Amino acid sequence: MTYMVKCDSCGKKYVYESSPMIKDSLWKKISNEHREGDKWVSELFCLECMEKKLGRKITVADLGRYVSTYHNQEFLRRKQ
């Protein structure tokens, strides 16, 4: 099943599974993830906004331990 979500940066709707999961250290640089009470609040970004915020294209090395997730398998398929 695919989920349509809205990018918190540009507002564009995109398929949630089409945006890769990147290393925590990179995610912390581009997101405003924070805790509100007892729950975590995070943002969702499309691939284009993730790359814009990083200032470069996302590489396989950026996926780190998440390389085998469904999100990243889809990302790698599109890169070929």
C-alpha atoms as a PDB file:
ATOM      1  CA  MET A   1       0.000   0.000   0.000  1.00  0.00           C
ATOM      2  CA  THR A   2       1.279   3.469  -0.806  1.00  0.00           C
ATOM      3  CA  TYR A   3       0.557   6.602   1.164  1.00  0.00           C
ATOM      4  CA  MET A   4       0.312  10.126  -0.201  1.00  0.00           C
ATOM      5  CA  VAL A   5       1.723  12.734   2.165  1.00  0.00           C
ATOM      6  CA  LYS A   6       2.484  16.439   1.956  1.00  0.00           C
ATOM      7  CA  CYS A   7       6.062  17.733   2.071  1.00  0.00           C
ATOM      8  CA  ASP A   8       6.463  20.031   5.073  1.00  0.00           C
ATOM      9  CA  SER A   9       8.892  22.193   3.099  1.00  0.00           C
ATOM     10  CA  CYS A  10       7.332  22.784  -0.330  1.00  0.00           C
ATOM     11  CA  GLY A  11       3.776  21.539   0.245  1.00  0.00           C
ATOM     12  CA  LYS A  12       3.875  19.125  -2.697  1.00  0.00           C
ATOM     13  CA  LYS A  13       2.056  15.804  -2.297  1.00  0.00           C
ATOM     14  CA  TYR A  14       4.268  12.765  -2.866  1.00  0.00           C
ATOM     15  CA  VAL A  15       4.298   9.012  -2.294  1.00  0.00           C
ATOM     16  CA  TYR A  16       5.678   8.533   1.220  1.00  0.00           C
ATOM     17  CA  GLU A  17       7.674   5.456   0.217  1.00  0.00           C
ATOM     18  CA  SER A  18       9.469   7.401  -2.541  1.00  0.00           C
ATOM     19  CA  SER A  19      11.509   9.498  -0.110  1.00  0.00           C
ATOM     20  CA  PRO A  20      14.563   7.711   1.315  1.00  0.00           C
ATOM     21  CA  MET A  21      15.368   7.236   4.995  1.00  0.00           C
ATOM     22  CA  ILE A  22      18.754   8.834   5.646  1.00  0.00           C
ATOM     23  CA  LYS A  23      21.235   8.550   8.498  1.00  0.00           C
ATOM     24  CA  ASP A  24      20.119  10.111  11.771  1.00  0.00           C
ATOM     25  CA  SER A  25      23.053  12.540  11.725  1.00  0.00           C
ATOM     26  CA  LEU A  26      21.928  13.936   8.356  1.00  0.00           C
ATOM     27  CA  TRP A  27      18.273  13.994   9.341  1.00  0.00           C
ATOM     28  CA  LYS A  28      19.103  16.082  12.419  1.00  0.00           C
ATOM     29  CA  LYS A  29      20.806  18.657  10.160  1.00  0.00           C
ATOM     30  CA  ILE A  30      17.748  19.191   7.965  1.00  0.00           C
ATOM     31  CA  SER A  31      14.726  18.568  10.194  1.00  0.00           C
ATOM     32  CA  ASN A  32      13.169  20.217  13.191  1.00  0.00           C
ATOM     33  CA  GLU A  33      12.328  16.947  14.952  1.00  0.00           C
ATOM     34  CA  HIS A  34      11.459  17.640  18.570  1.00  0.00           C
ATOM     35  CA  ARG A  35       9.524  16.403  21.533  1.00  0.00           C
ATOM     36  CA  GLU A  36       6.196  17.890  22.618  1.00  0.00           C
ATOM     37  CA  GLY A  37       5.244  16.417  25.952  1.00  0.00           C
ATOM     38  CA  ASP A  38       5.454  12.670  25.610  1.00  0.00           C
ATOM     39  CA  LYS A  39       5.358  12.468  21.804  1.00  0.00           C
ATOM     40  CA  TRP A  40       7.886  13.137  19.046  1.00  0.00           C
ATOM     41  CA  VAL A  41       7.016  15.624  16.317  1.00  0.00           C
ATOM     42  CA  SER A  42       8.835  15.182  13.021  1.00  0.00           C
ATOM     43  CA  GLU A  43       8.670  16.560   9.523  1.00  0.00           C
ATOM     44  CA  LEU A  44       8.228  14.844   6.168  1.00  0.00           C
ATOM     45  CA  PHE A  45      10.223  15.955   3.133  1.00  0.00           C
ATOM     46  CA  CYS A  46      10.077  14.950  -0.506  1.00  0.00           C
ATOM     47  CA  LEU A  47      13.345  13.832  -2.101  1.00  0.00           C
ATOM     48  CA  GLU A  48      13.872  17.176  -3.823  1.00  0.00           C
ATOM     49  CA  CYS A  49      13.536  19.144  -0.579  1.00  0.00           C
ATOM     50  CA  MET A  50      15.787  16.721   1.306  1.00  0.00           C
ATOM     51  CA  GLU A  51      18.491  17.242  -1.310  1.00  0.00           C
ATOM     52  CA  LYS A  52      17.937  21.001  -1.359  1.00  0.00           C
ATOM     53  CA  LYS A  53      18.304  21.202   2.424  1.00  0.00           C
ATOM     54  CA  LEU A  54      21.461  19.052   2.317  1.00  0.00           C
ATOM     55  CA  GLY A  55      22.828  21.133  -0.566  1.00  0.00           C
ATOM     56  CA  ARG A  56      23.604  18.020  -2.635  1.00  0.00           C
ATOM     57  CA  LYS A  57      22.207  14.787  -4.065  1.00  0.00           C
ATOM     58  CA  ILE A  58      21.551  11.941  -1.632  1.00  0.00           C
ATOM     59  CA  THR A  59      23.952   9.018  -2.111  1.00  0.00           C
ATOM     60  CA  VAL A  60      23.860   5.359  -1.086  1.00  0.00           C
ATOM     61  CA  ALA A  61      26.310   6.213   1.719  1.00  0.00           C
ATOM     62  CA  ASP A  62      23.685   8.570   3.185  1.00  0.00           C
ATOM     63  CA  LEU A  63      21.315   5.648   3.752  1.00  0.00           C
ATOM     64  CA  GLY A  64      23.577   4.001   6.337  1.00  0.00           C
ATOM     65  CA  ARG A  65      21.926   1.235   8.334  1.00  0.00           C
ATOM     66  CA  TYR A  66      18.608   1.989   6.668  1.00  0.00           C
ATOM     67  CA  VAL A  67      19.738   0.723   3.254  1.00  0.00           C
ATOM     68  CA  SER A  68      17.504  -2.362   3.424  1.00  0.00           C
ATOM     69  CA  THR A  69      14.259  -0.567   4.294  1.00  0.00           C
ATOM     70  CA  TYR A  70      11.437  -0.556   1.770  1.00  0.00           C
ATOM     71  CA  HIS A  71      11.849   3.199   1.306  1.00  0.00           C
ATOM     72  CA  ASN A  72      15.487   2.856   0.367  1.00  0.00           C
ATOM     73  CA  GLN A  73      15.005  -0.158  -1.862  1.00  0.00           C
ATOM     74  CA  GLU A  74      12.553   1.960  -3.874  1.00  0.00           C
ATOM     75  CA  PHE A  75      15.050   4.853  -3.903  1.00  0.00           C
ATOM     76  CA  LEU A  76      17.847   2.562  -5.146  1.00  0.00           C
ATOM     77  CA  ARG A  77      15.630   1.103  -7.896  1.00  0.00           C
ATOM     78  CA  ARG A  78      14.917   4.603  -9.218  1.00  0.00           C
ATOM     79  CA  LYS A  79      18.646   5.496  -9.159  1.00  0.00           C
ATOM     80  CA  GLN A  80      19.533   2.665 -11.608  1.00  0.00           C
END
